[in-house]
Amino acid sequence: MSLLSRVFVYGTLRRSEVNHYLLEDARYCGICLTPPHYKMVNLGAYPGVVKSGAGCVEGEVYEVNAQQMADLDRLEGYPHAYGREVIATPWGKAWIYLYRGSLRDKPVIPSGIWRETIVRRRWSR
């Protein structure tokens, strides 16, 4: 039996996003906000979250097995491009991926909701 973990996802791994296929067989727990210790930045095709500031980030929590977690680590470039830490969620503790790159010239997403950025980008001219 595989060990199960929970993971909090906030960008391209969310439902209806390009990398969600990695979580298709994972158990969906629900949507929640992080504690108010984070900042989301726009990295172009995807977001990054850093532990700084006093903002919340909206995301989805999934229960994943060891293979799914390894696949997520590979996608996120863990531990080089992204690190991880544990946060509290309504379903228990979950991993969140934290961006490790430069924040220079990276616009902040004040709402902490990646989907709002996508909608604005799709409809802006």
C-alpha atoms as a PDB file:
ATOM      1  CA  MET A   1       0.000   0.000   0.000  1.00  0.00           C
ATOM      2  CA  SER A   2       1.336   3.444  -0.926  1.00  0.00           C
ATOM      3  CA  LEU A   3       1.704   6.129   1.686  1.00  0.00           C
ATOM      4  CA  LEU A   4      -0.722   8.972   1.137  1.00  0.00           C
ATOM      5  CA  SER A   5       0.034  12.671   1.383  1.00  0.00           C
ATOM      6  CA  ARG A   6      -2.010  15.775   0.764  1.00  0.00           C
ATOM      7  CA  VAL A   7      -0.922  18.536  -1.579  1.00  0.00           C
ATOM      8  CA  PHE A   8      -2.241  22.093  -1.994  1.00  0.00           C
ATOM      9  CA  VAL A   9      -2.146  23.223  -5.654  1.00  0.00           C
ATOM     10  CA  TYR A  10      -2.769  26.773  -6.855  1.00  0.00           C
ATOM     11  CA  GLY A  11      -1.853  27.027 -10.551  1.00  0.00           C
ATOM     12  CA  THR A  12      -1.651  24.720 -13.546  1.00  0.00           C
ATOM     13  CA  LEU A  13      -2.413  21.627 -11.437  1.00  0.00           C
ATOM     14  CA  ARG A  14      -5.908  22.843 -10.543  1.00  0.00           C
ATOM     15  CA  ARG A  15      -9.025  21.430 -12.190  1.00  0.00           C
ATOM     16  CA  SER A  16      -9.435  22.467 -15.840  1.00  0.00           C
ATOM     17  CA  GLU A  17      -5.787  23.553 -16.073  1.00  0.00           C
ATOM     18  CA  VAL A  18      -3.065  22.163 -18.329  1.00  0.00           C
ATOM     19  CA  ASN A  19      -1.252  19.963 -15.770  1.00  0.00           C
ATOM     20  CA  HIS A  20      -4.303  18.672 -13.893  1.00  0.00           C
ATOM     21  CA  TYR A  21      -3.909  15.324 -15.674  1.00  0.00           C
ATOM     22  CA  LEU A  22      -1.301  14.481 -13.005  1.00  0.00           C
ATOM     23  CA  LEU A  23      -4.067  14.627 -10.372  1.00  0.00           C
ATOM     24  CA  GLU A  24      -6.895  12.953 -12.299  1.00  0.00           C
ATOM     25  CA  ASP A  25      -6.650   9.803 -10.166  1.00  0.00           C
ATOM     26  CA  ALA A  26      -5.992  11.650  -6.898  1.00  0.00           C
ATOM     27  CA  ARG A  27      -8.735  12.150  -4.328  1.00  0.00           C
ATOM     28  CA  TYR A  28     -10.033  15.722  -4.449  1.00  0.00           C
ATOM     29  CA  CYS A  29     -10.602  17.171  -0.981  1.00  0.00           C
ATOM     30  CA  GLY A  30     -11.748  20.728  -1.760  1.00  0.00           C
ATOM     31  CA  ILE A  31     -10.848  24.401  -2.142  1.00  0.00           C
ATOM     32  CA  CYS A  32      -9.308  26.462   0.641  1.00  0.00           C
ATOM     33  CA  LEU A  33      -7.041  29.404   1.391  1.00  0.00           C
ATOM     34  CA  THR A  34      -3.546  29.291   2.843  1.00  0.00           C
ATOM     35  CA  PRO A  35      -2.824  31.040   6.110  1.00  0.00           C
ATOM     36  CA  PRO A  36      -2.034  34.762   5.484  1.00  0.00           C
ATOM     37  CA  HIS A  37       1.743  34.419   5.090  1.00  0.00           C
ATOM     38  CA  TYR A  38       2.175  34.157   1.310  1.00  0.00           C
ATOM     39  CA  LYS A  39       2.461  36.104  -1.918  1.00  0.00           C
ATOM     40  CA  MET A  40       1.603  34.830  -5.414  1.00  0.00           C
ATOM     41  CA  VAL A  41       3.618  36.061  -8.389  1.00  0.00           C
ATOM     42  CA  ASN A  42       2.986  35.742 -12.113  1.00  0.00           C
ATOM     43  CA  LEU A  43       5.778  33.770 -13.781  1.00  0.00           C
ATOM     44  CA  GLY A  44       4.197  33.898 -17.237  1.00  0.00           C
ATOM     45  CA  ALA A  45       2.597  30.550 -18.057  1.00  0.00           C
ATOM     46  CA  TYR A  46       2.190  29.627 -14.394  1.00  0.00           C
ATOM     47  CA  PRO A  47       2.265  31.197 -10.919  1.00  0.00           C
ATOM     48  CA  GLY A  48       4.714  30.925  -8.080  1.00  0.00           C
ATOM     49  CA  VAL A  49       4.086  31.377  -4.378  1.00  0.00           C
ATOM     50  CA  VAL A  50       6.609  32.649  -1.861  1.00  0.00           C
ATOM     51  CA  LYS A  51       6.412  32.822   1.900  1.00  0.00           C
ATOM     52  CA  SER A  52       6.483  36.564   2.396  1.00  0.00           C
ATOM     53  CA  GLY A  53       3.844  39.155   3.013  1.00  0.00           C
ATOM     54  CA  ALA A  54       0.458  38.738   4.558  1.00  0.00           C
ATOM     55  CA  GLY A  55      -1.651  37.417   1.692  1.00  0.00           C
ATOM     56  CA  CYS A  56      -3.649  34.238   1.281  1.00  0.00           C
ATOM     57  CA  VAL A  57      -3.513  31.977  -1.761  1.00  0.00           C
ATOM     58  CA  GLU A  58      -6.513  30.046  -3.055  1.00  0.00           C
ATOM     59  CA  GLY A  59      -5.963  26.447  -4.073  1.00  0.00           C
ATOM     60  CA  GLU A  60      -7.253  22.924  -4.156  1.00  0.00           C
ATOM     61  CA  VAL A  61      -6.232  20.092  -1.862  1.00  0.00           C
ATOM     62  CA  TYR A  62      -5.712  16.544  -3.122  1.00  0.00           C
ATOM     63  CA  GLU A  63      -4.761  13.296  -1.469  1.00  0.00           C
ATOM     64  CA  VAL A  64      -1.963  11.680  -3.479  1.00  0.00           C
ATOM     65  CA  ASN A  65       0.059   8.486  -3.357  1.00  0.00           C
ATOM     66  CA  ALA A  66       3.849   8.298  -3.419  1.00  0.00           C
ATOM     67  CA  GLN A  67       4.041   7.957  -7.236  1.00  0.00           C
ATOM     68  CA  GLN A  68       1.765  10.965  -7.772  1.00  0.00           C
ATOM     69  CA  MET A  69       3.851  13.004  -5.337  1.00  0.00           C
ATOM     70  CA  ALA A  70       7.020  12.022  -7.223  1.00  0.00           C
ATOM     71  CA  ASP A  71       5.370  13.097 -10.500  1.00  0.00           C
ATOM     72  CA  LEU A  72       4.427  16.455  -8.955  1.00  0.00           C
ATOM     73  CA  ASP A  73       7.965  16.920  -7.639  1.00  0.00           C
ATOM     74  CA  ARG A  74       9.315  16.331 -11.146  1.00  0.00           C
ATOM     75  CA  LEU A  75       6.885  18.814 -12.706  1.00  0.00           C
ATOM     76  CA  GLU A  76       7.700  21.473 -10.117  1.00  0.00           C
ATOM     77  CA  GLY A  77      11.462  20.997 -10.381  1.00  0.00           C
ATOM     78  CA  TYR A  78      11.652  20.110  -6.690  1.00  0.00           C
ATOM     79  CA  PRO A  79      13.915  20.818  -4.857  1.00  0.00           C
ATOM     80  CA  HIS A  80      15.691  23.307  -7.154  1.00  0.00           C
ATOM     81  CA  ALA A  81      13.018  25.506  -8.792  1.00  0.00           C
ATOM     82  CA  TYR A  82      10.455  24.961  -6.036  1.00  0.00           C
ATOM     83  CA  GLY A  83      10.759  23.914  -2.426  1.00  0.00           C
ATOM     84  CA  ARG A  84       7.926  22.553  -0.294  1.00  0.00           C
ATOM     85  CA  GLU A  85       6.536  23.121   3.151  1.00  0.00           C
ATOM     86  CA  VAL A  86       3.547  21.868   5.081  1.00  0.00           C
ATOM     87  CA  ILE A  87       0.488  24.043   5.680  1.00  0.00           C
ATOM     88  CA  ALA A  88      -2.701  23.443   7.633  1.00  0.00           C
ATOM     89  CA  THR A  89      -5.878  22.823   5.618  1.00  0.00           C
ATOM     90  CA  PRO A  90      -9.404  21.775   6.643  1.00  0.00           C
ATOM     91  CA  TRP A  91      -8.434  18.182   5.628  1.00  0.00           C
ATOM     92  CA  GLY A  92      -5.196  18.112   7.599  1.00  0.00           C
ATOM     93  CA  LYS A  93      -1.654  19.040   6.728  1.00  0.00           C
ATOM     94  CA  ALA A  94      -0.734  19.408   3.047  1.00  0.00           C
ATOM     95  CA  TRP A  95       2.377  20.202   1.051  1.00  0.00           C
ATOM     96  CA  ILE A  96       2.555  23.529  -0.797  1.00  0.00           C
ATOM     97  CA  TYR A  97       5.198  24.219  -3.439  1.00  0.00           C
ATOM     98  CA  LEU A  98       7.126  27.470  -2.911  1.00  0.00           C
ATOM     99  CA  TYR A  99       8.984  29.265  -5.697  1.00  0.00           C
ATOM    100  CA  ARG A 100      12.753  29.604  -5.181  1.00  0.00           C
ATOM    101  CA  GLY A 101      13.676  31.834  -8.128  1.00  0.00           C
ATOM    102  CA  SER A 102      14.179  35.568  -8.428  1.00  0.00           C
ATOM    103  CA  LEU A 103      11.167  37.798  -7.851  1.00  0.00           C
ATOM    104  CA  ARG A 104      12.670  40.671  -9.820  1.00  0.00           C
ATOM    105  CA  ASP A 105      10.159  42.054 -12.342  1.00  0.00           C
ATOM    106  CA  LYS A 106       7.620  39.384 -11.388  1.00  0.00           C
ATOM    107  CA  PRO A 107       4.173  40.974 -10.993  1.00  0.00           C
ATOM    108  CA  VAL A 108       2.320  40.146  -7.797  1.00  0.00           C
ATOM    109  CA  ILE A 109      -1.153  38.612  -8.061  1.00  0.00           C
ATOM    110  CA  PRO A 110      -2.740  40.472  -5.123  1.00  0.00           C
ATOM    111  CA  SER A 111      -5.873  38.299  -4.946  1.00  0.00           C
ATOM    112  CA  GLY A 112      -3.822  35.095  -4.623  1.00  0.00           C
ATOM    113  CA  ILE A 113      -6.127  33.525  -7.220  1.00  0.00           C
ATOM    114  CA  TRP A 114      -4.339  32.353 -10.374  1.00  0.00           C
ATOM    115  CA  ARG A 115      -7.577  31.821 -12.332  1.00  0.00           C
ATOM    116  CA  GLU A 116      -8.455  35.510 -12.116  1.00  0.00           C
ATOM    117  CA  THR A 117      -5.180  36.299 -13.872  1.00  0.00           C
ATOM    118  CA  ILE A 118      -5.929  33.781 -16.630  1.00  0.00           C
ATOM    119  CA  VAL A 119      -9.410  35.192 -17.247  1.00  0.00           C
ATOM    120  CA  ARG A 120      -8.064  38.741 -17.480  1.00  0.00           C
ATOM    121  CA  ARG A 121      -5.312  37.614 -19.834  1.00  0.00           C
ATOM    122  CA  ARG A 122      -7.686  35.725 -22.141  1.00  0.00           C
ATOM    123  CA  TRP A 123     -10.042  38.676 -22.501  1.00  0.00           C
ATOM    124  CA  SER A 124      -7.622  41.593 -22.547  1.00  0.00           C
ATOM    125  CA  ARG A 125      -6.703  43.242 -25.847  1.00  0.00           C
END
